[in-house]
PDB file of N, CA and C in Angstrom:
ATOM      1  N   MET A   1     -11.015  12.748   8.306  1.00  0.00           N
ATOM      2  CA  MET A   1     -11.354  11.464   7.770  1.00  0.00           C
ATOM      3  C   MET A   1     -10.618  10.385   8.545  1.00  0.00           C
ATOM      4  N   ARG A   2     -11.066   9.198   8.345  1.00  0.00           N
ATOM      5  CA  ARG A   2     -10.525   8.050   9.063  1.00  0.00           C
ATOM      6  C   ARG A   2      -9.397   7.423   8.237  1.00  0.00           C
ATOM      7  N   ILE A   3      -8.253   7.198   8.872  1.00  0.00           N
ATOM      8  CA  ILE A   3      -7.100   6.580   8.222  1.00  0.00           C
ATOM      9  C   ILE A   3      -6.790   5.280   8.957  1.00  0.00           C
ATOM     10  N   LEU A   4      -6.775   4.171   8.216  1.00  0.00           N
ATOM     11  CA  LEU A   4      -6.437   2.875   8.796  1.00  0.00           C
ATOM     12  C   LEU A   4      -4.961   2.597   8.535  1.00  0.00           C
ATOM     13  N   ILE A   5      -4.233   2.325   9.590  1.00  0.00           N
ATOM     14  CA  ILE A   5      -2.778   2.186   9.555  1.00  0.00           C
ATOM     15  C   ILE A   5      -2.386   0.709   9.587  1.00  0.00           C
ATOM     16  N   PRO A   6      -1.415   0.294   8.746  1.00  0.00           N
ATOM     17  CA  PRO A   6      -0.965  -1.098   8.804  1.00  0.00           C
ATOM     18  C   PRO A   6      -0.091  -1.341  10.042  1.00  0.00           C
ATOM     19  N   THR A   7      -0.103  -2.550  10.516  1.00  0.00           N
ATOM     20  CA  THR A   7       0.633  -2.921  11.727  1.00  0.00           C
ATOM     21  C   THR A   7       2.099  -2.468  11.712  1.00  0.00           C
ATOM     22  N   PRO A   8       2.849  -2.622  10.604  1.00  0.00           N
ATOM     23  CA  PRO A   8       4.257  -2.203  10.639  1.00  0.00           C
ATOM     24  C   PRO A   8       4.475  -0.708  10.905  1.00  0.00           C
ATOM     25  N   LEU A   9       3.427   0.107  10.773  1.00  0.00           N
ATOM     26  CA  LEU A   9       3.574   1.552  11.001  1.00  0.00           C
ATOM     27  C   LEU A   9       2.985   2.005  12.341  1.00  0.00           C
ATOM     28  N   TYR A  10       2.550   1.064  13.144  1.00  0.00           N
ATOM     29  CA  TYR A  10       1.994   1.412  14.461  1.00  0.00           C
ATOM     30  C   TYR A  10       2.982   2.198  15.323  1.00  0.00           C
ATOM     31  N   SER A  11       4.269   1.955  15.146  1.00  0.00           N
ATOM     32  CA  SER A  11       5.254   2.660  15.981  1.00  0.00           C
ATOM     33  C   SER A  11       5.185   4.176  15.777  1.00  0.00           C
ATOM     34  N   TYR A  12       4.726   4.607  14.613  1.00  0.00           N
ATOM     35  CA  TYR A  12       4.591   6.045  14.346  1.00  0.00           C
ATOM     36  C   TYR A  12       3.346   6.631  14.997  1.00  0.00           C
ATOM     37  N   THR A  13       2.322   5.817  15.164  1.00  0.00           N
ATOM     38  CA  THR A  13       1.038   6.312  15.681  1.00  0.00           C
ATOM     39  C   THR A  13       0.818   5.945  17.143  1.00  0.00           C
ATOM     40  N   GLY A  14       1.859   5.524  17.816  1.00  0.00           N
ATOM     41  CA  GLY A  14       1.708   5.153  19.217  1.00  0.00           C
ATOM     42  C   GLY A  14       0.854   3.911  19.407  1.00  0.00           C
ATOM     43  N   GLY A  15       0.898   3.009  18.433  1.00  0.00           N
ATOM     44  CA  GLY A  15       0.153   1.766  18.532  1.00  0.00           C
ATOM     45  C   GLY A  15      -1.276   1.836  18.030  1.00  0.00           C
ATOM     46  N   LYS A  16      -1.670   2.969  17.469  1.00  0.00           N
ATOM     47  CA  LYS A  16      -3.054   3.129  16.995  1.00  0.00           C
ATOM     48  C   LYS A  16      -3.221   2.545  15.594  1.00  0.00           C
ATOM     49  N   ALA A  17      -4.280   1.760  15.414  1.00  0.00           N
ATOM     50  CA  ALA A  17      -4.597   1.181  14.114  1.00  0.00           C
ATOM     51  C   ALA A  17      -5.443   2.127  13.270  1.00  0.00           C
ATOM     52  N   GLU A  18      -6.082   3.077  13.920  1.00  0.00           N
ATOM     53  CA  GLU A  18      -6.955   4.022  13.240  1.00  0.00           C
ATOM     54  C   GLU A  18      -6.673   5.421  13.775  1.00  0.00           C
ATOM     55  N   VAL A  19      -6.460   6.362  12.859  1.00  0.00           N
ATOM     56  CA  VAL A  19      -6.191   7.746  13.246  1.00  0.00           C
ATOM     57  C   VAL A  19      -7.015   8.671  12.354  1.00  0.00           C
ATOM     58  N   ALA A  20      -6.989   9.936  12.662  1.00  0.00           N
ATOM     59  CA  ALA A  20      -7.712  10.938  11.868  1.00  0.00           C
ATOM     60  C   ALA A  20      -6.714  11.816  11.129  1.00  0.00           C
ATOM     61  N   ALA A  21      -7.149  12.328   9.989  1.00  0.00           N
ATOM     62  CA  ALA A  21      -6.357  13.292   9.226  1.00  0.00           C
ATOM     63  C   ALA A  21      -7.329  14.151   8.431  1.00  0.00           C
ATOM     64  N   GLU A  22      -6.818  15.261   7.941  1.00  0.00           N
ATOM     65  CA  GLU A  22      -7.623  16.172   7.136  1.00  0.00           C
ATOM     66  C   GLU A  22      -6.904  16.461   5.837  1.00  0.00           C
ATOM     67  N   GLY A  23      -7.665  16.756   4.801  1.00  0.00           N
ATOM     68  CA  GLY A  23      -7.062  17.133   3.534  1.00  0.00           C
ATOM     69  C   GLY A  23      -8.053  17.013   2.396  1.00  0.00           C
ATOM     70  N   ALA A  24      -7.876  17.847   1.397  1.00  0.00           N
ATOM     71  CA  ALA A  24      -8.768  17.846   0.238  1.00  0.00           C
ATOM     72  C   ALA A  24      -8.390  16.762  -0.763  1.00  0.00           C
ATOM     73  N   THR A  25      -7.141  16.280  -0.683  1.00  0.00           N
ATOM     74  CA  THR A  25      -6.668  15.214  -1.568  1.00  0.00           C
ATOM     75  C   THR A  25      -5.929  14.182  -0.724  1.00  0.00           C
ATOM     76  N   VAL A  26      -5.612  13.043  -1.340  1.00  0.00           N
ATOM     77  CA  VAL A  26      -4.835  12.018  -0.646  1.00  0.00           C
ATOM     78  C   VAL A  26      -3.483  12.593  -0.245  1.00  0.00           C
ATOM     79  N   ALA A  27      -2.840  13.343  -1.130  1.00  0.00           N
ATOM     80  CA  ALA A  27      -1.539  13.950  -0.823  1.00  0.00           C
ATOM     81  C   ALA A  27      -1.633  14.866   0.393  1.00  0.00           C
ATOM     82  N   HIS A  28      -2.663  15.692   0.451  1.00  0.00           N
ATOM     83  CA  HIS A  28      -2.842  16.600   1.599  1.00  0.00           C
ATOM     84  C   HIS A  28      -3.088  15.813   2.881  1.00  0.00           C
ATOM     85  N   ALA A  29      -3.872  14.757   2.796  1.00  0.00           N
ATOM     86  CA  ALA A  29      -4.149  13.938   3.979  1.00  0.00           C
ATOM     87  C   ALA A  29      -2.871  13.271   4.489  1.00  0.00           C
ATOM     88  N   LEU A  30      -2.013  12.803   3.582  1.00  0.00           N
ATOM     89  CA  LEU A  30      -0.758  12.190   4.006  1.00  0.00           C
ATOM     90  C   LEU A  30       0.182  13.211   4.636  1.00  0.00           C
ATOM     91  N   ARG A  31       0.164  14.437   4.124  1.00  0.00           N
ATOM     92  CA  ARG A  31       0.977  15.498   4.752  1.00  0.00           C
ATOM     93  C   ARG A  31       0.450  15.822   6.150  1.00  0.00           C
ATOM     94  N   ASP A  32      -0.874  15.863   6.297  1.00  0.00           N
ATOM     95  CA  ASP A  32      -1.464  16.115   7.614  1.00  0.00           C
ATOM     96  C   ASP A  32      -1.145  14.960   8.561  1.00  0.00           C
ATOM     97  N   LEU A  33      -1.198  13.751   8.054  1.00  0.00           N
ATOM     98  CA  LEU A  33      -0.844  12.582   8.856  1.00  0.00           C
ATOM     99  C   LEU A  33       0.604  12.689   9.340  1.00  0.00           C
ATOM    100  N   ASP A  34       1.487  13.144   8.454  1.00  0.00           N
ATOM    101  CA  ASP A  34       2.897  13.301   8.824  1.00  0.00           C
ATOM    102  C   ASP A  34       3.091  14.426   9.837  1.00  0.00           C
ATOM    103  N   ARG A  35       2.266  15.449   9.754  1.00  0.00           N
ATOM    104  CA  ARG A  35       2.336  16.535  10.743  1.00  0.00           C
ATOM    105  C   ARG A  35       1.960  16.002  12.128  1.00  0.00           C
ATOM    106  N   ARG A  36       0.970  15.137  12.169  1.00  0.00           N
ATOM    107  CA  ARG A  36       0.510  14.564  13.436  1.00  0.00           C
ATOM    108  C   ARG A  36       1.424  13.444  13.928  1.00  0.00           C
ATOM    109  N   TYR A  37       1.991  12.686  12.984  1.00  0.00           N
ATOM    110  CA  TYR A  37       2.839  11.531  13.304  1.00  0.00           C
ATOM    111  C   TYR A  37       4.118  11.617  12.459  1.00  0.00           C
ATOM    112  N   PRO A  38       5.073  12.443  12.885  1.00  0.00           N
ATOM    113  CA  PRO A  38       6.280  12.715  12.089  1.00  0.00           C
ATOM    114  C   PRO A  38       7.000  11.446  11.627  1.00  0.00           C
ATOM    115  N   GLY A  39       7.350  11.466  10.337  1.00  0.00           N
ATOM    116  CA  GLY A  39       8.109  10.377   9.750  1.00  0.00           C
ATOM    117  C   GLY A  39       7.271   9.329   9.044  1.00  0.00           C
ATOM    118  N   ILE A  40       5.984   9.290   9.287  1.00  0.00           N
ATOM    119  CA  ILE A  40       5.144   8.227   8.716  1.00  0.00           C
ATOM    120  C   ILE A  40       4.996   8.355   7.197  1.00  0.00           C
ATOM    121  N   ARG A  41       4.911   9.568   6.692  1.00  0.00           N
ATOM    122  CA  ARG A  41       4.710   9.770   5.252  1.00  0.00           C
ATOM    123  C   ARG A  41       5.865   9.195   4.448  1.00  0.00           C
ATOM    124  N   PHE A  42       7.099   9.369   4.923  1.00  0.00           N
ATOM    125  CA  PHE A  42       8.277   8.892   4.201  1.00  0.00           C
ATOM    126  C   PHE A  42       8.251   7.370   4.049  1.00  0.00           C
ATOM    127  N   ARG A  43       7.564   6.670   4.925  1.00  0.00           N
ATOM    128  CA  ARG A  43       7.446   5.214   4.819  1.00  0.00           C
ATOM    129  C   ARG A  43       6.470   4.807   3.712  1.00  0.00           C
ATOM    130  N   MET A  44       5.632   5.747   3.271  1.00  0.00           N
ATOM    131  CA  MET A  44       4.632   5.456   2.248  1.00  0.00           C
ATOM    132  C   MET A  44       4.940   6.090   0.899  1.00  0.00           C
ATOM    133  N   VAL A  45       5.565   7.276   0.930  1.00  0.00           N
ATOM    134  CA  VAL A  45       5.788   8.074  -0.277  1.00  0.00           C
ATOM    135  C   VAL A  45       7.272   8.407  -0.385  1.00  0.00           C
ATOM    136  N   ASP A  46       7.834   8.254  -1.594  1.00  0.00           N
ATOM    137  CA  ASP A  46       9.257   8.514  -1.771  1.00  0.00           C
ATOM    138  C   ASP A  46       9.545   9.992  -2.049  1.00  0.00           C
ATOM    139  N   GLU A  47      10.808  10.281  -2.354  1.00  0.00           N
ATOM    140  CA  GLU A  47      11.246  11.663  -2.574  1.00  0.00           C
ATOM    141  C   GLU A  47      10.638  12.299  -3.821  1.00  0.00           C
ATOM    142  N   GLN A  48      10.140  11.485  -4.749  1.00  0.00           N
ATOM    143  CA  GLN A  48       9.509  11.989  -5.966  1.00  0.00           C
ATOM    144  C   GLN A  48       7.991  12.062  -5.825  1.00  0.00           C
ATOM    145  N   ASP A  49       7.493  11.965  -4.594  1.00  0.00           N
ATOM    146  CA  ASP A  49       6.054  11.983  -4.305  1.00  0.00           C
ATOM    147  C   ASP A  49       5.303  10.854  -4.999  1.00  0.00           C
ATOM    148  N   CYS A  50       5.924   9.682  -5.074  1.00  0.00           N
ATOM    149  CA  CYS A  50       5.293   8.482  -5.615  1.00  0.00           C
ATOM    150  C   CYS A  50       5.089   7.491  -4.475  1.00  0.00           C
ATOM    151  N   VAL A  51       3.980   6.779  -4.519  1.00  0.00           N
ATOM    152  CA  VAL A  51       3.727   5.759  -3.510  1.00  0.00           C
ATOM    153  C   VAL A  51       4.804   4.677  -3.661  1.00  0.00           C
ATOM    154  N   ARG A  52       5.399   4.293  -2.550  1.00  0.00           N
ATOM    155  CA  ARG A  52       6.455   3.279  -2.585  1.00  0.00           C
ATOM    156  C   ARG A  52       5.897   1.960  -3.130  1.00  0.00           C
ATOM    157  N   PRO A  53       6.743   1.179  -3.811  1.00  0.00           N
ATOM    158  CA  PRO A  53       6.270  -0.055  -4.463  1.00  0.00           C
ATOM    159  C   PRO A  53       5.601  -1.062  -3.528  1.00  0.00           C
ATOM    160  N   HIS A  54       5.985  -1.083  -2.281  1.00  0.00           N
ATOM    161  CA  HIS A  54       5.420  -2.062  -1.346  1.00  0.00           C
ATOM    162  C   HIS A  54       4.195  -1.539  -0.589  1.00  0.00           C
ATOM    163  N   MET A  55       3.731  -0.361  -0.969  1.00  0.00           N
ATOM    164  CA  MET A  55       2.580   0.247  -0.301  1.00  0.00           C
ATOM    165  C   MET A  55       1.398   0.328  -1.265  1.00  0.00           C
ATOM    166  N   ARG A  56       0.205   0.242  -0.709  1.00  0.00           N
ATOM    167  CA  ARG A  56      -1.026   0.462  -1.465  1.00  0.00           C
ATOM    168  C   ARG A  56      -1.912   1.369  -0.618  1.00  0.00           C
ATOM    169  N   ILE A  57      -2.581   2.294  -1.270  1.00  0.00           N
ATOM    170  CA  ILE A  57      -3.495   3.201  -0.586  1.00  0.00           C
ATOM    171  C   ILE A  57      -4.867   3.049  -1.234  1.00  0.00           C
ATOM    172  N   PHE A  58      -5.865   2.821  -0.393  1.00  0.00           N
ATOM    173  CA  PHE A  58      -7.235   2.657  -0.853  1.00  0.00           C
ATOM    174  C   PHE A  58      -8.097   3.751  -0.234  1.00  0.00           C
ATOM    175  N   VAL A  59      -9.020   4.280  -1.027  1.00  0.00           N
ATOM    176  CA  VAL A  59     -10.012   5.222  -0.526  1.00  0.00           C
ATOM    177  C   VAL A  59     -11.364   4.559  -0.736  1.00  0.00           C
ATOM    178  N   ASN A  60     -12.066   4.347   0.368  1.00  0.00           N
ATOM    179  CA  ASN A  60     -13.366   3.670   0.304  1.00  0.00           C
ATOM    180  C   ASN A  60     -13.271   2.357  -0.477  1.00  0.00           C
ATOM    181  N   GLN A  61     -12.215   1.613  -0.208  1.00  0.00           N
ATOM    182  CA  GLN A  61     -11.951   0.287  -0.772  1.00  0.00           C
ATOM    183  C   GLN A  61     -11.587   0.299  -2.252  1.00  0.00           C
ATOM    184  N   GLU A  62     -11.252   1.474  -2.801  1.00  0.00           N
ATOM    185  CA  GLU A  62     -10.810   1.586  -4.193  1.00  0.00           C
ATOM    186  C   GLU A  62      -9.339   1.976  -4.211  1.00  0.00           C
ATOM    187  N   LEU A  63      -8.526   1.241  -4.979  1.00  0.00           N
ATOM    188  CA  LEU A  63      -7.100   1.522  -5.068  1.00  0.00           C
ATOM    189  C   LEU A  63      -6.858   2.914  -5.646  1.00  0.00           C
ATOM    190  N   VAL A  64      -5.983   3.662  -5.008  1.00  0.00           N
ATOM    191  CA  VAL A  64      -5.624   5.006  -5.454  1.00  0.00           C
ATOM    192  C   VAL A  64      -4.303   4.932  -6.210  1.00  0.00           C
ATOM    193  N   THR A  65      -4.280   5.487  -7.410  1.00  0.00           N
ATOM    194  CA  THR A  65      -3.030   5.550  -8.169  1.00  0.00           C
ATOM    195  C   THR A  65      -2.543   6.989  -8.307  1.00  0.00           C
ATOM    196  N   ASP A  66      -3.398   7.941  -8.001  1.00  0.00           N
ATOM    197  CA  ASP A  66      -3.061   9.361  -8.111  1.00  0.00           C
ATOM    198  C   ASP A  66      -3.244  10.019  -6.747  1.00  0.00           C
ATOM    199  N   LEU A  67      -2.152  10.513  -6.183  1.00  0.00           N
ATOM    200  CA  LEU A  67      -2.227  11.137  -4.859  1.00  0.00           C
ATOM    201  C   LEU A  67      -3.034  12.429  -4.864  1.00  0.00           C
ATOM    202  N   GLU A  68      -3.347  12.953  -6.034  1.00  0.00           N
ATOM    203  CA  GLU A  68      -4.161  14.166  -6.115  1.00  0.00           C
ATOM    204  C   GLU A  68      -5.653  13.843  -6.156  1.00  0.00           C
ATOM    205  N   GLN A  69      -6.011  12.596  -5.928  1.00  0.00           N
ATOM    206  CA  GLN A  69      -7.433  12.222  -5.883  1.00  0.00           C
ATOM    207  C   GLN A  69      -8.123  12.981  -4.762  1.00  0.00           C
ATOM    208  N   ALA A  70      -9.271  13.536  -5.071  1.00  0.00           N
ATOM    209  CA  ALA A  70     -10.038  14.313  -4.095  1.00  0.00           C
ATOM    210  C   ALA A  70     -10.581  13.416  -2.987  1.00  0.00           C
ATOM    211  N   LEU A  71     -10.673  13.981  -1.799  1.00  0.00           N
ATOM    212  CA  LEU A  71     -11.228  13.293  -0.640  1.00  0.00           C
ATOM    213  C   LEU A  71     -12.368  14.099  -0.041  1.00  0.00           C
ATOM    214  N   ALA A  72     -13.297  13.396   0.580  1.00  0.00           N
ATOM    215  CA  ALA A  72     -14.385  14.017   1.320  1.00  0.00           C
ATOM    216  C   ALA A  72     -14.164  13.720   2.807  1.00  0.00           C
ATOM    217  N   PRO A  73     -14.678  14.557   3.694  1.00  0.00           N
ATOM    218  CA  PRO A  73     -14.455  14.359   5.137  1.00  0.00           C
ATOM    219  C   PRO A  73     -14.889  12.994   5.657  1.00  0.00           C
ATOM    220  N   LYS A  74     -15.850  12.352   5.023  1.00  0.00           N
ATOM    221  CA  LYS A  74     -16.348  11.056   5.505  1.00  0.00           C
ATOM    222  C   LYS A  74     -15.640   9.862   4.856  1.00  0.00           C
ATOM    223  N   ASP A  75     -14.658  10.119   3.996  1.00  0.00           N
ATOM    224  CA  ASP A  75     -13.949   9.026   3.335  1.00  0.00           C
ATOM    225  C   ASP A  75     -13.096   8.235   4.324  1.00  0.00           C
ATOM    226  N   GLU A  76     -12.844   6.982   3.956  1.00  0.00           N
ATOM    227  CA  GLU A  76     -11.957   6.125   4.737  1.00  0.00           C
ATOM    228  C   GLU A  76     -10.746   5.813   3.865  1.00  0.00           C
ATOM    229  N   VAL A  77      -9.567   6.091   4.382  1.00  0.00           N
ATOM    230  CA  VAL A  77      -8.322   5.807   3.682  1.00  0.00           C
ATOM    231  C   VAL A  77      -7.662   4.633   4.388  1.00  0.00           C
ATOM    232  N   GLN A  78      -7.370   3.591   3.626  1.00  0.00           N
ATOM    233  CA  GLN A  78      -6.712   2.423   4.190  1.00  0.00           C
ATOM    234  C   GLN A  78      -5.346   2.284   3.543  1.00  0.00           C
ATOM    235  N   ILE A  79      -4.342   2.145   4.391  1.00  0.00           N
ATOM    236  CA  ILE A  79      -2.975   1.987   3.930  1.00  0.00           C
ATOM    237  C   ILE A  79      -2.595   0.527   4.136  1.00  0.00           C
ATOM    238  N   ILE A  80      -2.107  -0.099   3.067  1.00  0.00           N
ATOM    239  CA  ILE A  80      -1.714  -1.509   3.117  1.00  0.00           C
ATOM    240  C   ILE A  80      -0.231  -1.585   2.814  1.00  0.00           C
ATOM    241  N   GLN A  81       0.495  -2.352   3.604  1.00  0.00           N
ATOM    242  CA  GLN A  81       1.920  -2.539   3.368  1.00  0.00           C
ATOM    243  C   GLN A  81       2.174  -4.014   3.105  1.00  0.00           C
ATOM    244  N   ALA A  82       2.790  -4.298   1.970  1.00  0.00           N
ATOM    245  CA  ALA A  82       3.134  -5.681   1.641  1.00  0.00           C
ATOM    246  C   ALA A  82       4.259  -6.144   2.559  1.00  0.00           C
ATOM    247  N   LEU A  83       4.198  -7.395   2.933  1.00  0.00           N
ATOM    248  CA  LEU A  83       5.258  -7.993   3.730  1.00  0.00           C
ATOM    249  C   LEU A  83       6.140  -8.801   2.807  1.00  0.00           C
ATOM    250  N   SER A  84       7.424  -8.767   3.066  1.00  0.00           N
ATOM    251  CA  SER A  84       8.344  -9.537   2.222  1.00  0.00           C
ATOM    252  C   SER A  84       9.298 -10.322   3.108  1.00  0.00           C
ATOM    253  N   GLY A  85       9.966 -11.191   2.500  1.00  0.00           N
ATOM    254  CA  GLY A  85      10.920 -12.013   3.239  1.00  0.00           C
ATOM    255  C   GLY A  85      11.028 -13.366   2.584  1.00  0.00           C
ATOM    256  N   GLY A  86      11.788 -14.200   3.198  1.00  0.00           N
ATOM    257  CA  GLY A  86      11.970 -15.506   2.562  1.00  0.00           C
ATOM    258  C   GLY A  86      11.937 -16.605   3.573  1.00  0.00           C
TER     259      GLY A  86
END
């Protein structure tokens, strides 16, 4: 499936805005993404397997709240990272 990466995480993907991953659920796809691009998952998911507060994950433009949500091979996963500062 197609994974859209936010600009702050480009350093993990070698500058790629769009990458591929496989998995039956969002959690599996993020693990596959981490296998391909080590360290990227930890920027999105914490030690308790919860999406970090500043991250949002969308599947086919719908917000995902459960990482066990099923995925199909043609789905598009978009990762959004909030920017903060003052």
